[in-house]
Amino acid sequence: MENASETEVARRSLGVEEALLVLIEKLVLRGVVSADEAEDMLKLIAKSGDASAAHASNLLQLVDQLRRLRRNDGSSALGAQSFDPS
């Protein structure tokens, strides 16, 4: 029974990881988060294991391409609304 439980945990973990990768991709493409922020999140995911690193590597390449398209401004988040509390 423990083996089935471990398999279920692994399956759910993979599902959560895939959902996070899709979310990060959508947010960075829309400019809601910057390339730097997306890269930080992806590096955290990649540290969790070899399979996770493989999943994140393609998206890291995309983030690098976006950074270059944005003239190496990794902190730019073009679609994000600026918040001015004044």
PDB file of N, CA and C in Angstrom:
ATOM      1  N   MET A   1       0.813  -1.191   0.000  1.00  0.00           N
ATOM      2  CA  MET A   1       0.000   0.000   0.000  1.00  0.00           C
ATOM      3  C   MET A   1       0.860   1.260   0.000  1.00  0.00           C
ATOM      4  N   GLU A   2       2.002   1.216   0.668  1.00  0.00           N
ATOM      5  CA  GLU A   2       2.882   2.377   0.735  1.00  0.00           C
ATOM      6  C   GLU A   2       3.402   2.745  -0.654  1.00  0.00           C
ATOM      7  N   ASN A   3       3.668   1.766  -1.496  1.00  0.00           N
ATOM      8  CA  ASN A   3       4.158   2.030  -2.837  1.00  0.00           C
ATOM      9  C   ASN A   3       3.128   2.814  -3.652  1.00  0.00           C
ATOM     10  N   ALA A   4       1.860   2.467  -3.518  1.00  0.00           N
ATOM     11  CA  ALA A   4       0.796   3.184  -4.221  1.00  0.00           C
ATOM     12  C   ALA A   4       0.706   4.618  -3.722  1.00  0.00           C
ATOM     13  N   SER A   5       0.915   4.802  -2.436  1.00  0.00           N
ATOM     14  CA  SER A   5       0.880   6.142  -1.852  1.00  0.00           C
ATOM     15  C   SER A   5       2.037   6.988  -2.373  1.00  0.00           C
ATOM     16  N   GLU A   6       3.207   6.409  -2.434  1.00  0.00           N
ATOM     17  CA  GLU A   6       4.368   7.120  -2.958  1.00  0.00           C
ATOM     18  C   GLU A   6       4.181   7.481  -4.424  1.00  0.00           C
ATOM     19  N   THR A   7       3.596   6.577  -5.189  1.00  0.00           N
ATOM     20  CA  THR A   7       3.324   6.840  -6.603  1.00  0.00           C
ATOM     21  C   THR A   7       2.344   7.991  -6.748  1.00  0.00           C
ATOM     22  N   GLU A   8       1.328   8.017  -5.903  1.00  0.00           N
ATOM     23  CA  GLU A   8       0.334   9.092  -5.945  1.00  0.00           C
ATOM     24  C   GLU A   8       0.964  10.440  -5.582  1.00  0.00           C
ATOM     25  N   VAL A   9       1.829  10.457  -4.591  1.00  0.00           N
ATOM     26  CA  VAL A   9       2.516  11.692  -4.205  1.00  0.00           C
ATOM     27  C   VAL A   9       3.399  12.183  -5.348  1.00  0.00           C
ATOM     28  N   ALA A  10       4.119  11.288  -5.988  1.00  0.00           N
ATOM     29  CA  ALA A  10       4.981  11.662  -7.108  1.00  0.00           C
ATOM     30  C   ALA A  10       4.155  12.195  -8.272  1.00  0.00           C
ATOM     31  N   ARG A  11       3.019  11.559  -8.552  1.00  0.00           N
ATOM     32  CA  ARG A  11       2.157  11.997  -9.642  1.00  0.00           C
ATOM     33  C   ARG A  11       1.605  13.394  -9.374  1.00  0.00           C
ATOM     34  N   ARG A  12       1.154  13.619  -8.162  1.00  0.00           N
ATOM     35  CA  ARG A  12       0.616  14.936  -7.805  1.00  0.00           C
ATOM     36  C   ARG A  12       1.698  16.009  -7.797  1.00  0.00           C
ATOM     37  N   SER A  13       2.875  15.664  -7.328  1.00  0.00           N
ATOM     38  CA  SER A  13       3.988  16.620  -7.327  1.00  0.00           C
ATOM     39  C   SER A  13       4.338  17.043  -8.741  1.00  0.00           C
ATOM     40  N   LEU A  14       4.365  16.103  -9.648  1.00  0.00           N
ATOM     41  CA  LEU A  14       4.650  16.404 -11.043  1.00  0.00           C
ATOM     42  C   LEU A  14       3.562  17.312 -11.625  1.00  0.00           C
ATOM     43  N   GLY A  15       2.323  17.053 -11.271  1.00  0.00           N
ATOM     44  CA  GLY A  15       1.224  17.889 -11.743  1.00  0.00           C
ATOM     45  C   GLY A  15       1.334  19.321 -11.246  1.00  0.00           C
ATOM     46  N   VAL A  16       1.689  19.483  -9.978  1.00  0.00           N
ATOM     47  CA  VAL A  16       1.860  20.821  -9.410  1.00  0.00           C
ATOM     48  C   VAL A  16       3.029  21.530 -10.081  1.00  0.00           C
ATOM     49  N   GLU A  17       4.111  20.817 -10.293  1.00  0.00           N
ATOM     50  CA  GLU A  17       5.276  21.412 -10.955  1.00  0.00           C
ATOM     51  C   GLU A  17       4.925  21.871 -12.371  1.00  0.00           C
ATOM     52  N   GLU A  18       4.210  21.035 -13.104  1.00  0.00           N
ATOM     53  CA  GLU A  18       3.817  21.406 -14.462  1.00  0.00           C
ATOM     54  C   GLU A  18       2.911  22.633 -14.456  1.00  0.00           C
ATOM     55  N   ALA A  19       1.994  22.706 -13.503  1.00  0.00           N
ATOM     56  CA  ALA A  19       1.103  23.861 -13.403  1.00  0.00           C
ATOM     57  C   ALA A  19       1.892  25.133 -13.092  1.00  0.00           C
ATOM     58  N   LEU A  20       2.869  25.023 -12.204  1.00  0.00           N
ATOM     59  CA  LEU A  20       3.706  26.180 -11.887  1.00  0.00           C
ATOM     60  C   LEU A  20       4.498  26.655 -13.105  1.00  0.00           C
ATOM     61  N   LEU A  21       5.027  25.720 -13.865  1.00  0.00           N
ATOM     62  CA  LEU A  21       5.793  26.086 -15.053  1.00  0.00           C
ATOM     63  C   LEU A  21       4.911  26.796 -16.081  1.00  0.00           C
ATOM     64  N   VAL A  22       3.702  26.301 -16.264  1.00  0.00           N
ATOM     65  CA  VAL A  22       2.772  26.949 -17.197  1.00  0.00           C
ATOM     66  C   VAL A  22       2.428  28.348 -16.697  1.00  0.00           C
ATOM     67  N   LEU A  23       2.172  28.483 -15.410  1.00  0.00           N
ATOM     68  CA  LEU A  23       1.837  29.783 -14.832  1.00  0.00           C
ATOM     69  C   LEU A  23       2.986  30.778 -14.994  1.00  0.00           C
ATOM     70  N   ILE A  24       4.191  30.337 -14.683  1.00  0.00           N
ATOM     71  CA  ILE A  24       5.359  31.212 -14.822  1.00  0.00           C
ATOM     72  C   ILE A  24       5.523  31.631 -16.277  1.00  0.00           C
ATOM     73  N   GLU A  25       5.365  30.679 -17.195  1.00  0.00           N
ATOM     74  CA  GLU A  25       5.497  31.001 -18.617  1.00  0.00           C
ATOM     75  C   GLU A  25       4.476  32.058 -19.038  1.00  0.00           C
ATOM     76  N   LYS A  26       3.222  31.872 -18.654  1.00  0.00           N
ATOM     77  CA  LYS A  26       2.172  32.834 -19.042  1.00  0.00           C
ATOM     78  C   LYS A  26       2.447  34.210 -18.442  1.00  0.00           C
ATOM     79  N   LEU A  27       2.863  34.253 -17.196  1.00  0.00           N
ATOM     80  CA  LEU A  27       3.105  35.535 -16.535  1.00  0.00           C
ATOM     81  C   LEU A  27       4.280  36.291 -17.146  1.00  0.00           C
ATOM     82  N   VAL A  28       5.335  35.583 -17.479  1.00  0.00           N
ATOM     83  CA  VAL A  28       6.505  36.265 -18.057  1.00  0.00           C
ATOM     84  C   VAL A  28       6.228  36.694 -19.495  1.00  0.00           C
ATOM     85  N   LEU A  29       5.487  35.888 -20.246  1.00  0.00           N
ATOM     86  CA  LEU A  29       5.169  36.268 -21.618  1.00  0.00           C
ATOM     87  C   LEU A  29       4.255  37.488 -21.671  1.00  0.00           C
ATOM     88  N   ARG A  30       3.370  37.600 -20.703  1.00  0.00           N
ATOM     89  CA  ARG A  30       2.461  38.755 -20.648  1.00  0.00           C
ATOM     90  C   ARG A  30       3.105  39.974 -20.010  1.00  0.00           C
ATOM     91  N   GLY A  31       4.284  39.797 -19.457  1.00  0.00           N
ATOM     92  CA  GLY A  31       4.981  40.913 -18.842  1.00  0.00           C
ATOM     93  C   GLY A  31       4.500  41.232 -17.443  1.00  0.00           C
ATOM     94  N   VAL A  32       3.788  40.302 -16.822  1.00  0.00           N
ATOM     95  CA  VAL A  32       3.306  40.523 -15.457  1.00  0.00           C
ATOM     96  C   VAL A  32       4.442  40.364 -14.461  1.00  0.00           C
ATOM     97  N   VAL A  33       5.343  39.439 -14.741  1.00  0.00           N
ATOM     98  CA  VAL A  33       6.566  39.305 -13.944  1.00  0.00           C
ATOM     99  C   VAL A  33       7.742  39.535 -14.881  1.00  0.00           C
ATOM    100  N   SER A  34       8.828  39.996 -14.322  1.00  0.00           N
ATOM    101  CA  SER A  34      10.012  40.267 -15.129  1.00  0.00           C
ATOM    102  C   SER A  34      10.758  38.973 -15.452  1.00  0.00           C
ATOM    103  N   ALA A  35      11.656  39.070 -16.400  1.00  0.00           N
ATOM    104  CA  ALA A  35      12.494  37.920 -16.753  1.00  0.00           C
ATOM    105  C   ALA A  35      13.353  37.500 -15.561  1.00  0.00           C
ATOM    106  N   ASP A  36      13.837  38.475 -14.801  1.00  0.00           N
ATOM    107  CA  ASP A  36      14.645  38.158 -13.617  1.00  0.00           C
ATOM    108  C   ASP A  36      13.831  37.379 -12.587  1.00  0.00           C
ATOM    109  N   GLU A  37      12.587  37.825 -12.358  1.00  0.00           N
ATOM    110  CA  GLU A  37      11.729  37.131 -11.393  1.00  0.00           C
ATOM    111  C   GLU A  37      11.408  35.719 -11.865  1.00  0.00           C
ATOM    112  N   ALA A  38      11.097  35.575 -13.143  1.00  0.00           N
ATOM    113  CA  ALA A  38      10.796  34.250 -13.691  1.00  0.00           C
ATOM    114  C   ALA A  38      12.008  33.336 -13.578  1.00  0.00           C
ATOM    115  N   GLU A  39      13.182  33.871 -13.880  1.00  0.00           N
ATOM    116  CA  GLU A  39      14.408  33.075 -13.795  1.00  0.00           C
ATOM    117  C   GLU A  39      14.655  32.609 -12.360  1.00  0.00           C
ATOM    118  N   ASP A  40      14.431  33.483 -11.386  1.00  0.00           N
ATOM    119  CA  ASP A  40      14.605  33.095  -9.985  1.00  0.00           C
ATOM    120  C   ASP A  40      13.670  31.945  -9.608  1.00  0.00           C
ATOM    121  N   MET A  41      12.409  32.044 -10.036  1.00  0.00           N
ATOM    122  CA  MET A  41      11.442  30.982  -9.716  1.00  0.00           C
ATOM    123  C   MET A  41      11.832  29.673 -10.392  1.00  0.00           C
ATOM    124  N   LEU A  42      12.249  29.756 -11.646  1.00  0.00           N
ATOM    125  CA  LEU A  42      12.617  28.552 -12.384  1.00  0.00           C
ATOM    126  C   LEU A  42      13.854  27.883 -11.801  1.00  0.00           C
ATOM    127  N   LYS A  43      14.798  28.674 -11.340  1.00  0.00           N
ATOM    128  CA  LYS A  43      16.000  28.098 -10.715  1.00  0.00           C
ATOM    129  C   LYS A  43      15.646  27.363  -9.431  1.00  0.00           C
ATOM    130  N   LEU A  44      14.685  27.880  -8.679  1.00  0.00           N
ATOM    131  CA  LEU A  44      14.242  27.184  -7.470  1.00  0.00           C
ATOM    132  C   LEU A  44      13.612  25.843  -7.811  1.00  0.00           C
ATOM    133  N   ILE A  45      12.785  25.829  -8.838  1.00  0.00           N
ATOM    134  CA  ILE A  45      12.161  24.575  -9.269  1.00  0.00           C
ATOM    135  C   ILE A  45      13.225  23.597  -9.753  1.00  0.00           C
ATOM    136  N   ALA A  46      14.198  24.090 -10.513  1.00  0.00           N
ATOM    137  CA  ALA A  46      15.240  23.235 -11.075  1.00  0.00           C
ATOM    138  C   ALA A  46      16.107  22.592 -10.004  1.00  0.00           C
ATOM    139  N   LYS A  47      16.234  23.245  -8.856  1.00  0.00           N
ATOM    140  CA  LYS A  47      17.067  22.701  -7.780  1.00  0.00           C
ATOM    141  C   LYS A  47      16.465  21.463  -7.116  1.00  0.00           C
ATOM    142  N   SER A  48      15.176  21.222  -7.336  1.00  0.00           N
ATOM    143  CA  SER A  48      14.525  20.127  -6.624  1.00  0.00           C
ATOM    144  C   SER A  48      14.854  18.748  -7.179  1.00  0.00           C
ATOM    145  N   GLY A  49      15.485  18.674  -8.345  1.00  0.00           N
ATOM    146  CA  GLY A  49      15.880  17.371  -8.869  1.00  0.00           C
ATOM    147  C   GLY A  49      16.207  17.435 -10.344  1.00  0.00           C
ATOM    148  N   ASP A  50      16.765  16.349 -10.851  1.00  0.00           N
ATOM    149  CA  ASP A  50      17.172  16.299 -12.251  1.00  0.00           C
ATOM    150  C   ASP A  50      15.990  16.427 -13.203  1.00  0.00           C
ATOM    151  N   ALA A  51      14.888  15.752 -12.898  1.00  0.00           N
ATOM    152  CA  ALA A  51      13.713  15.822 -13.764  1.00  0.00           C
ATOM    153  C   ALA A  51      13.149  17.241 -13.773  1.00  0.00           C
ATOM    154  N   SER A  52      13.129  17.871 -12.621  1.00  0.00           N
ATOM    155  CA  SER A  52      12.633  19.248 -12.532  1.00  0.00           C
ATOM    156  C   SER A  52      13.539  20.199 -13.304  1.00  0.00           C
ATOM    157  N   ALA A  53      14.830  19.972 -13.222  1.00  0.00           N
ATOM    158  CA  ALA A  53      15.778  20.806 -13.967  1.00  0.00           C
ATOM    159  C   ALA A  53      15.544  20.660 -15.464  1.00  0.00           C
ATOM    160  N   ALA A  54      15.269  19.453 -15.909  1.00  0.00           N
ATOM    161  CA  ALA A  54      14.997  19.228 -17.326  1.00  0.00           C
ATOM    162  C   ALA A  54      13.712  19.930 -17.752  1.00  0.00           C
ATOM    163  N   HIS A  55      12.690  19.879 -16.897  1.00  0.00           N
ATOM    164  CA  HIS A  55      11.425  20.543 -17.218  1.00  0.00           C
ATOM    165  C   HIS A  55      11.593  22.058 -17.294  1.00  0.00           C
ATOM    166  N   ALA A  56      12.403  22.618 -16.421  1.00  0.00           N
ATOM    167  CA  ALA A  56      12.571  24.066 -16.353  1.00  0.00           C
ATOM    168  C   ALA A  56      13.543  24.600 -17.403  1.00  0.00           C
ATOM    169  N   SER A  57      14.384  23.754 -17.972  1.00  0.00           N
ATOM    170  CA  SER A  57      15.443  24.243 -18.855  1.00  0.00           C
ATOM    171  C   SER A  57      14.901  24.923 -20.115  1.00  0.00           C
ATOM    172  N   ASN A  58      13.867  24.374 -20.731  1.00  0.00           N
ATOM    173  CA  ASN A  58      13.310  25.002 -21.932  1.00  0.00           C
ATOM    174  C   ASN A  58      12.732  26.372 -21.616  1.00  0.00           C
ATOM    175  N   LEU A  59      12.073  26.467 -20.489  1.00  0.00           N
ATOM    176  CA  LEU A  59      11.491  27.745 -20.098  1.00  0.00           C
ATOM    177  C   LEU A  59      12.573  28.755 -19.728  1.00  0.00           C
ATOM    178  N   LEU A  60      13.664  28.283 -19.147  1.00  0.00           N
ATOM    179  CA  LEU A  60      14.788  29.182 -18.871  1.00  0.00           C
ATOM    180  C   LEU A  60      15.371  29.749 -20.167  1.00  0.00           C
ATOM    181  N   GLN A  61      15.420  28.941 -21.215  1.00  0.00           N
ATOM    182  CA  GLN A  61      15.888  29.427 -22.515  1.00  0.00           C
ATOM    183  C   GLN A  61      14.934  30.485 -23.068  1.00  0.00           C
ATOM    184  N   LEU A  62      13.640  30.261 -22.915  1.00  0.00           N
ATOM    185  CA  LEU A  62      12.655  31.232 -23.369  1.00  0.00           C
ATOM    186  C   LEU A  62      12.795  32.556 -22.616  1.00  0.00           C
ATOM    187  N   VAL A  63      12.999  32.473 -21.314  1.00  0.00           N
ATOM    188  CA  VAL A  63      13.179  33.676 -20.497  1.00  0.00           C
ATOM    189  C   VAL A  63      14.424  34.432 -20.949  1.00  0.00           C
ATOM    190  N   ASP A  64      15.477  33.712 -21.278  1.00  0.00           N
ATOM    191  CA  ASP A  64      16.702  34.351 -21.771  1.00  0.00           C
ATOM    192  C   ASP A  64      16.448  35.066 -23.096  1.00  0.00           C
ATOM    193  N   GLN A  65      15.669  34.458 -23.976  1.00  0.00           N
ATOM    194  CA  GLN A  65      15.325  35.096 -25.246  1.00  0.00           C
ATOM    195  C   GLN A  65      14.490  36.359 -25.013  1.00  0.00           C
ATOM    196  N   LEU A  66      13.546  36.294 -24.080  1.00  0.00           N
ATOM    197  CA  LEU A  66      12.737  37.471 -23.748  1.00  0.00           C
ATOM    198  C   LEU A  66      13.607  38.609 -23.222  1.00  0.00           C
ATOM    199  N   ARG A  67      14.561  38.249 -22.385  1.00  0.00           N
ATOM    200  CA  ARG A  67      15.472  39.255 -21.832  1.00  0.00           C
ATOM    201  C   ARG A  67      16.215  39.962 -22.972  1.00  0.00           C
ATOM    202  N   ARG A  68      16.686  39.178 -23.940  1.00  0.00           N
ATOM    203  CA  ARG A  68      17.393  39.774 -25.073  1.00  0.00           C
ATOM    204  C   ARG A  68      16.467  40.653 -25.909  1.00  0.00           C
ATOM    205  N   LEU A  69      15.231  40.218 -26.097  1.00  0.00           N
ATOM    206  CA  LEU A  69      14.266  41.027 -26.843  1.00  0.00           C
ATOM    207  C   LEU A  69      13.939  42.334 -26.121  1.00  0.00           C
ATOM    208  N   ARG A  70      14.031  42.300 -24.816  1.00  0.00           N
ATOM    209  CA  ARG A  70      13.759  43.498 -24.016  1.00  0.00           C
ATOM    210  C   ARG A  70      15.047  44.278 -23.756  1.00  0.00           C
ATOM    211  N   ARG A  71      15.992  44.119 -24.661  1.00  0.00           N
ATOM    212  CA  ARG A  71      17.270  44.841 -24.620  1.00  0.00           C
ATOM    213  C   ARG A  71      18.042  44.596 -23.321  1.00  0.00           C
ATOM    214  N   ASN A  72      18.086  43.341 -22.916  1.00  0.00           N
ATOM    215  CA  ASN A  72      18.808  42.900 -21.717  1.00  0.00           C
ATOM    216  C   ASN A  72      18.307  43.549 -20.435  1.00  0.00           C
ATOM    217  N   ASP A  73      17.068  44.028 -20.463  1.00  0.00           N
ATOM    218  CA  ASP A  73      16.464  44.584 -19.255  1.00  0.00           C
ATOM    219  C   ASP A  73      15.660  43.487 -18.580  1.00  0.00           C
ATOM    220  N   GLY A  74      16.326  42.721 -17.753  1.00  0.00           N
ATOM    221  CA  GLY A  74      15.677  41.605 -17.079  1.00  0.00           C
ATOM    222  C   GLY A  74      14.692  42.018 -16.016  1.00  0.00           C
ATOM    223  N   SER A  75      14.751  43.265 -15.579  1.00  0.00           N
ATOM    224  CA  SER A  75      13.840  43.718 -14.532  1.00  0.00           C
ATOM    225  C   SER A  75      12.545  44.276 -15.104  1.00  0.00           C
ATOM    226  N   SER A  76      12.453  44.394 -16.424  1.00  0.00           N
ATOM    227  CA  SER A  76      11.276  44.946 -17.072  1.00  0.00           C
ATOM    228  C   SER A  76      10.104  43.983 -16.977  1.00  0.00           C
ATOM    229  N   ALA A  77       8.963  44.522 -16.599  1.00  0.00           N
ATOM    230  CA  ALA A  77       7.710  43.769 -16.588  1.00  0.00           C
ATOM    231  C   ALA A  77       6.689  44.635 -17.329  1.00  0.00           C
ATOM    232  N   LEU A  78       6.685  44.521 -18.638  1.00  0.00           N
ATOM    233  CA  LEU A  78       5.951  45.436 -19.506  1.00  0.00           C
ATOM    234  C   LEU A  78       4.448  45.443 -19.274  1.00  0.00           C
ATOM    235  N   GLY A  79       3.875  44.325 -18.906  1.00  0.00           N
ATOM    236  CA  GLY A  79       2.423  44.261 -18.752  1.00  0.00           C
ATOM    237  C   GLY A  79       1.948  44.522 -17.352  1.00  0.00           C
ATOM    238  N   ALA A  80       2.846  44.716 -16.419  1.00  0.00           N
ATOM    239  CA  ALA A  80       2.453  44.907 -15.026  1.00  0.00           C
ATOM    240  C   ALA A  80       2.073  46.355 -14.790  1.00  0.00           C
ATOM    241  N   GLN A  81       1.018  46.543 -14.027  1.00  0.00           N
ATOM    242  CA  GLN A  81       0.609  47.883 -13.637  1.00  0.00           C
ATOM    243  C   GLN A  81       1.534  48.352 -12.528  1.00  0.00           C
ATOM    244  N   SER A  82       1.998  49.575 -12.655  1.00  0.00           N
ATOM    245  CA  SER A  82       2.824  50.105 -11.581  1.00  0.00           C
ATOM    246  C   SER A  82       1.911  50.583 -10.459  1.00  0.00           C
ATOM    247  N   PHE A  83       2.341  50.413  -9.256  1.00  0.00           N
ATOM    248  CA  PHE A  83       1.557  50.803  -8.086  1.00  0.00           C
ATOM    249  C   PHE A  83       2.230  52.005  -7.451  1.00  0.00           C
ATOM    250  N   ASP A  84       1.533  53.111  -7.484  1.00  0.00           N
ATOM    251  CA  ASP A  84       2.052  54.344  -6.895  1.00  0.00           C
ATOM    252  C   ASP A  84       1.160  54.719  -5.720  1.00  0.00           C
ATOM    253  N   PRO A  85       1.613  54.472  -4.499  1.00  0.00           N
ATOM    254  CA  PRO A  85       0.763  54.718  -3.331  1.00  0.00           C
ATOM    255  C   PRO A  85       0.537  56.187  -3.015  1.00  0.00           C
ATOM    256  N   SER A  86       1.191  57.107  -3.708  1.00  0.00           N
ATOM    257  CA  SER A  86       1.038  58.521  -3.368  1.00  0.00           C
ATOM    258  C   SER A  86      -0.238  59.143  -3.883  1.00  0.00           C
TER     259      SER A  86
END
